[in-house]
Each structure stands twice: as structure tokens, then as C-alpha cells.
C-alpha atoms as a PDB file:
ATOM      1  CA  MET A   1       0.167  -0.048  -0.026  1.00  0.00           C
ATOM      2  CA  ASN A   2       1.244   3.305  -0.846  1.00  0.00           C
ATOM      3  CA  SER A   3       3.173   4.469   2.461  1.00  0.00           C
ATOM      4  CA  LEU A   4       1.725   8.282   1.826  1.00  0.00           C
ATOM      5  CA  LEU A   5      -1.634   7.022   2.146  1.00  0.00           C
ATOM      6  CA  VAL A   6      -1.107   5.088   5.102  1.00  0.00           C
ATOM      7  CA  THR A   7       0.793   7.902   7.068  1.00  0.00           C
ATOM      8  CA  ALA A   8      -2.020  10.193   6.148  1.00  0.00           C
ATOM      9  CA  SER A   9      -4.585   7.868   7.180  1.00  0.00           C
ATOM     10  CA  TYR A  10      -2.287   7.747  10.612  1.00  0.00           C
ATOM     11  CA  TYR A  11      -2.702  11.626  11.140  1.00  0.00           C
ATOM     12  CA  VAL A  12      -6.370  11.377  10.438  1.00  0.00           C
ATOM     13  CA  TYR A  13      -7.078   8.621  12.961  1.00  0.00           C
ATOM     14  CA  PHE A  14      -5.366  10.300  15.623  1.00  0.00           C
ATOM     15  CA  ILE A  15      -6.886  13.751  14.832  1.00  0.00           C
ATOM     16  CA  SER A  16     -10.152  11.973  15.257  1.00  0.00           C
ATOM     17  CA  SER A  17      -9.478  10.535  18.346  1.00  0.00           C
ATOM     18  CA  TRP A  18     -12.335  10.062  20.870  1.00  0.00           C
ATOM     19  CA  GLU A  19     -11.267  12.876  22.934  1.00  0.00           C
ATOM     20  CA  ILE A  20     -11.183  15.455  19.852  1.00  0.00           C
ATOM     21  CA  ILE A  21     -14.231  13.940  18.628  1.00  0.00           C
ATOM     22  CA  PHE A  22     -16.194  14.272  21.779  1.00  0.00           C
ATOM     23  CA  GLY A  23     -14.983  17.538  22.321  1.00  0.00           C
ATOM     24  CA  PHE A  24     -16.400  18.668  18.881  1.00  0.00           C
ATOM     25  CA  ILE A  25     -19.224  17.160  20.071  1.00  0.00           C
ATOM     26  CA  PHE A  26     -19.840  19.359  23.433  1.00  0.00           C
ATOM     27  CA  ALA A  27     -18.671  22.197  21.565  1.00  0.00           C
ATOM     28  CA  ILE A  28     -21.994  22.004  19.283  1.00  0.00           C
ATOM     29  CA  ALA A  29     -24.309  21.131  22.543  1.00  0.00           C
ATOM     30  CA  LEU A  30     -22.374  24.564  23.823  1.00  0.00           C
ATOM     31  CA  TRP A  31     -23.207  25.938  20.618  1.00  0.00           C
ATOM     32  CA  LEU A  32     -27.063  25.194  20.628  1.00  0.00           C
ATOM     33  CA  MET A  33     -27.744  26.675  23.547  1.00  0.00           C
ATOM     34  CA  ALA A  34     -26.052  30.120  23.198  1.00  0.00           C
ATOM     35  CA  LYS A  35     -28.261  30.148  20.768  1.00  0.00           C
ATOM     36  CA  LYS A  36     -31.171  28.683  22.493  1.00  0.00           C
ATOM     37  CA  ARG A  37     -32.178  26.115  20.192  1.00  0.00           C
ATOM     38  CA  PHE A  38     -33.493  23.738  22.143  1.00  0.00           C
ATOM     39  CA  PRO A  39     -35.499  21.221  20.009  1.00  0.00           C
ATOM     40  CA  ALA A  40     -32.008  21.029  17.864  1.00  0.00           C
ATOM     41  CA  LEU A  41     -29.918  20.314  21.201  1.00  0.00           C
ATOM     42  CA  LYS A  42     -32.578  17.827  22.406  1.00  0.00           C
ATOM     43  CA  VAL A  43     -32.385  15.961  18.525  1.00  0.00           C
ATOM     44  CA  PHE A  44     -28.317  16.616  18.826  1.00  0.00           C
ATOM     45  CA  ALA A  45     -28.193  15.565  22.142  1.00  0.00           C
ATOM     46  CA  LEU A  46     -30.712  12.144  22.209  1.00  0.00           C
ATOM     47  CA  SER A  47     -28.528  11.468  18.637  1.00  0.00           C
ATOM     48  CA  THR A  48     -25.301  11.089  20.168  1.00  0.00           C
ATOM     49  CA  LEU A  49     -26.489   9.677  23.330  1.00  0.00           C
ATOM     50  CA  LEU A  50     -28.758   6.670  21.437  1.00  0.00           C
ATOM     51  CA  THR A  51     -25.530   6.379  19.029  1.00  0.00           C
ATOM     52  CA  SER A  52     -22.637   5.861  21.459  1.00  0.00           C
ATOM     53  CA  ILE A  53     -25.057   3.335  24.001  1.00  0.00           C
ATOM     54  CA  LEU A  54     -26.437   1.292  20.509  1.00  0.00           C
ATOM     55  CA  THR A  55     -22.748   0.906  19.458  1.00  0.00           C
ATOM     56  CA  LEU A  56     -21.176  -0.402  22.742  1.00  0.00           C
ATOM     57  CA  LEU A  57     -24.034  -2.781  22.953  1.00  0.00           C
ATOM     58  CA  ILE A  58     -24.073  -4.235  19.361  1.00  0.00           C
ATOM     59  CA  LYS A  59     -20.070  -4.247  20.237  1.00  0.00           C
ATOM     60  CA  ASP A  60     -21.001  -6.546  23.645  1.00  0.00           C
ATOM     61  CA  VAL A  61     -23.021  -8.380  21.821  1.00  0.00           C
ATOM     62  CA  THR A  62     -21.481  -9.422  18.586  1.00  0.00           C
ATOM     63  CA  LYS A  63     -18.543  -9.473  20.347  1.00  0.00           C
ATOM     64  CA  ILE A  64     -16.576  -9.211  16.479  1.00  0.00           C
ATOM     65  CA  SER A  65     -12.942  -8.893  17.035  1.00  0.00           C
ATOM     66  CA  ARG A  66     -10.764  -6.184  14.335  1.00  0.00           C
ATOM     67  CA  PRO A  67      -9.318  -7.446  11.463  1.00  0.00           C
ATOM     68  CA  ALA A  68      -6.262  -9.560  12.000  1.00  0.00           C
ATOM     69  CA  ASP A  69      -3.900  -7.719   9.673  1.00  0.00           C
ATOM     70  CA  ALA A  70      -4.767  -3.795  11.717  1.00  0.00           C
ATOM     71  CA  LEU A  71      -2.114  -1.648  10.895  1.00  0.00           C
ATOM     72  CA  ILE A  72      -2.821  -0.199  14.847  1.00  0.00           C
ATOM     73  CA  GLY A  73      -3.018  -2.244  17.999  1.00  0.00           C
ATOM     74  CA  LEU A  74      -6.466  -1.858  18.907  1.00  0.00           C
ATOM     75  CA  ASN A  75      -8.195  -4.285  21.274  1.00  0.00           C
ATOM     76  CA  ASP A  76     -11.461  -3.741  21.395  1.00  0.00           C
ATOM     77  CA  TYR A  77     -14.649  -5.128  19.135  1.00  0.00           C
ATOM     78  CA  ALA A  78     -15.261  -3.831  15.654  1.00  0.00           C
ATOM     79  CA  PHE A  79     -18.717  -4.254  14.832  1.00  0.00           C
ATOM     80  CA  PRO A  80     -20.064  -1.298  14.186  1.00  0.00           C
ATOM     81  CA  SER A  81     -17.824   0.959  13.305  1.00  0.00           C
ATOM     82  CA  GLY A  82     -18.076   3.777  16.226  1.00  0.00           C
ATOM     83  CA  HIS A  83     -16.241   6.403  14.367  1.00  0.00           C
ATOM     84  CA  THR A  84     -18.494   6.061  11.738  1.00  0.00           C
ATOM     85  CA  ALA A  85     -21.531   5.861  13.622  1.00  0.00           C
ATOM     86  CA  ILE A  86     -20.434   8.850  15.532  1.00  0.00           C
ATOM     87  CA  GLY A  87     -18.896  10.474  12.232  1.00  0.00           C
ATOM     88  CA  PHE A  88     -22.180  10.061  10.043  1.00  0.00           C
ATOM     89  CA  PHE A  89     -24.710  10.767  12.765  1.00  0.00           C
ATOM     90  CA  LEU A  90     -22.719  14.143  13.009  1.00  0.00           C
ATOM     91  CA  LEU A  91     -23.160  15.013   9.336  1.00  0.00           C
ATOM     92  CA  THR A  92     -26.743  13.812   9.225  1.00  0.00           C
ATOM     93  CA  PHE A  93     -27.046  16.216  11.949  1.00  0.00           C
ATOM     94  CA  LEU A  94     -25.226  18.984  10.906  1.00  0.00           C
ATOM     95  CA  ALA A  95     -26.388  18.742   6.825  1.00  0.00           C
ATOM     96  CA  ASN A  96     -30.251  18.884   7.896  1.00  0.00           C
ATOM     97  CA  TYR A  97     -29.224  22.022  10.218  1.00  0.00           C
ATOM     98  CA  ILE A  98     -27.740  23.425   7.690  1.00  0.00           C
ATOM     99  CA  TRP A  99     -29.624  23.132   5.242  1.00  0.00           C
ATOM    100  CA  ARG A 100     -32.574  24.428   7.573  1.00  0.00           C
ATOM    101  CA  SER A 101     -30.837  28.086   7.680  1.00  0.00           C
ATOM    102  CA  ASN A 102     -31.509  30.717   5.999  1.00  0.00           C
ATOM    103  CA  LYS A 103     -27.904  31.036   4.790  1.00  0.00           C
ATOM    104  CA  SER A 104     -26.588  30.876   0.977  1.00  0.00           C
ATOM    105  CA  ARG A 105     -27.320  27.888  -1.530  1.00  0.00           C
ATOM    106  CA  LEU A 106     -23.181  28.472  -1.868  1.00  0.00           C
ATOM    107  CA  PHE A 107     -22.725  28.571   1.703  1.00  0.00           C
ATOM    108  CA  LYS A 108     -25.091  25.296   2.644  1.00  0.00           C
ATOM    109  CA  SER A 109     -23.159  23.192   0.212  1.00  0.00           C
ATOM    110  CA  THR A 110     -19.743  24.199   0.769  1.00  0.00           C
ATOM    111  CA  ALA A 111     -20.511  23.454   4.320  1.00  0.00           C
ATOM    112  CA  THR A 112     -22.007  19.956   3.618  1.00  0.00           C
ATOM    113  CA  LEU A 113     -19.551  18.889   1.507  1.00  0.00           C
ATOM    114  CA  ILE A 114     -16.375  19.767   3.988  1.00  0.00           C
ATOM    115  CA  LEU A 115     -18.163  18.200   6.546  1.00  0.00           C
ATOM    116  CA  THR A 116     -18.612  15.199   3.722  1.00  0.00           C
ATOM    117  CA  LEU A 117     -15.353  15.105   2.938  1.00  0.00           C
ATOM    118  CA  ALA A 118     -13.983  15.288   7.248  1.00  0.00           C
ATOM    119  CA  ILE A 119     -16.218  11.864   7.723  1.00  0.00           C
ATOM    120  CA  LEU A 120     -15.013  10.292   4.373  1.00  0.00           C
ATOM    121  CA  ALA A 121     -11.213  10.883   5.585  1.00  0.00           C
ATOM    122  CA  ILE A 122     -11.831   9.088   8.785  1.00  0.00           C
ATOM    123  CA  VAL A 123     -13.877   6.279   7.058  1.00  0.00           C
ATOM    124  CA  ALA A 124     -11.062   5.795   5.106  1.00  0.00           C
ATOM    125  CA  SER A 125      -8.418   6.290   7.110  1.00  0.00           C
ATOM    126  CA  ARG A 126      -9.933   3.143   9.363  1.00  0.00           C
ATOM    127  CA  LEU A 127     -10.524   0.832   6.294  1.00  0.00           C
ATOM    128  CA  ILE A 128      -6.338   1.786   5.363  1.00  0.00           C
ATOM    129  CA  LEU A 129      -5.638   0.919   8.251  1.00  0.00           C
ATOM    130  CA  ARG A 130      -7.462  -2.059   8.906  1.00  0.00           C
ATOM    131  CA  VAL A 131      -8.864  -1.732  12.108  1.00  0.00           C
ATOM    132  CA  HIS A 132     -12.582  -2.166  10.345  1.00  0.00           C
ATOM    133  CA  THR A 133     -13.835  -4.155   7.345  1.00  0.00           C
ATOM    134  CA  LEU A 134     -16.370  -2.432   4.668  1.00  0.00           C
ATOM    135  CA  THR A 135     -19.050  -4.382   6.465  1.00  0.00           C
ATOM    136  CA  GLN A 136     -18.163  -2.829   9.885  1.00  0.00           C
ATOM    137  CA  ILE A 137     -18.267   0.405   8.646  1.00  0.00           C
ATOM    138  CA  LEU A 138     -21.845   0.513   6.818  1.00  0.00           C
ATOM    139  CA  ALA A 139     -23.175  -0.858   9.809  1.00  0.00           C
ATOM    140  CA  GLY A 140     -21.655   2.442  11.457  1.00  0.00           C
ATOM    141  CA  ALA A 141     -22.753   4.059   8.764  1.00  0.00           C
ATOM    142  CA  VAL A 142     -26.481   2.759   9.232  1.00  0.00           C
ATOM    143  CA  LEU A 143     -26.953   3.215  12.920  1.00  0.00           C
ATOM    144  CA  GLY A 144     -25.754   6.693  13.066  1.00  0.00           C
ATOM    145  CA  ILE A 145     -27.454   8.123   9.770  1.00  0.00           C
ATOM    146  CA  GLY A 146     -30.859   5.869  11.117  1.00  0.00           C
ATOM    147  CA  ILE A 147     -30.617   7.045  14.672  1.00  0.00           C
ATOM    148  CA  THR A 148     -30.162  10.733  13.393  1.00  0.00           C
ATOM    149  CA  LEU A 149     -33.158  10.853  11.029  1.00  0.00           C
ATOM    150  CA  TRP A 150     -35.222   9.391  12.807  1.00  0.00           C
ATOM    151  CA  LEU A 151     -35.266  11.637  15.571  1.00  0.00           C
ATOM    152  CA  ILE A 152     -35.540  14.503  12.980  1.00  0.00           C
ATOM    153  CA  LYS A 153     -38.202  13.028  11.970  1.00  0.00           C
ATOM    154  CA  LYS A 154     -40.158  12.535  15.766  1.00  0.00           C
ATOM    155  CA  TYR A 155     -39.084  15.863  16.621  1.00  0.00           C
ATOM    156  CA  ASP A 156     -39.091  17.742  12.859  1.00  0.00           C
ATOM    157  CA  ASP A 157     -42.313  19.985  13.791  1.00  0.00           C
ATOM    158  CA  LYS A 158     -40.258  21.630  16.099  1.00  0.00           C
ATOM    159  CA  LEU A 159     -36.856  22.194  14.875  1.00  0.00           C
END
């Protein structure tokens, strides 16, 4: 495999650590509180909790190990990908929030593209470093998107 691609994947892997991801989530929650967007904050908080809890629960029930040829030694379970689940919950929530705003179409498109590329970089790094299989990634994406869309639909009239 291309060593530059692997090196870039290591950087993305470390930048997308749980501490940084949950710091980002905390910052978004504070921003929603400051803007007094309480219905959106409710959906955001519930999405964070449900996605996290269900991911951990499924990992604990399925007990599927990481690929044997992983380039990073991790000893927790791999199915579904937690980074992917959280990443796609963030993408789904933020894209929905952005497209409901009164910002310009250019701003909405650019912001959504940047978010999508960031999440895809995280997903790609997980695959390149072989800490997840494509199935584990897809399961995480379905989980994160599904929970968030369900909550958005459930509270749509209040958003």
C-alpha cells in the first residue's frame, strides 16, 4: 500500500481520537445552547447518546474482533465502527441543520461538502489502517444515519 496514504491515515486516525470527537460534540452542544436552539439540542443530545450506547451494546453483543492484519493494535470490538457511527450522526445532524438555515445555497453546499469530506477521510483511514472491514464501516454508517434521521423526523415540527 502507498506509504504516503498510510501516513496520512495515521494522522487522520489520531486527529479523530475520541477526545477530539467528543470535544467537537461538546462545542456544538454549547453553541446550540447559546443560540437557544433547544429542540435541535434535544435531537443532537439524543442522537449522541443513542448512537454511542447502541454502538457499544452491539459491539458487546456481537463481540466481533478487529481484522487480524490491522496496522494499529486495538483490543476492543470492531462491529459496528464507532467512529463511523458518530461521524455519520454528526454529518446527518449538521447537514440537516445547515440546510434548514437561511444561509446562502453556496454556504450550505460548501459546509456540507467539507463535513462530508471530513467524515469520509475518517472512514477511509479506518479502512486503510485495517482497523475495520467494509461491513463494519457500513453498519456504523447505517446506525448513525438511521438514529439521527429517526430523531429528526420524530421532532421535525419543533426544529
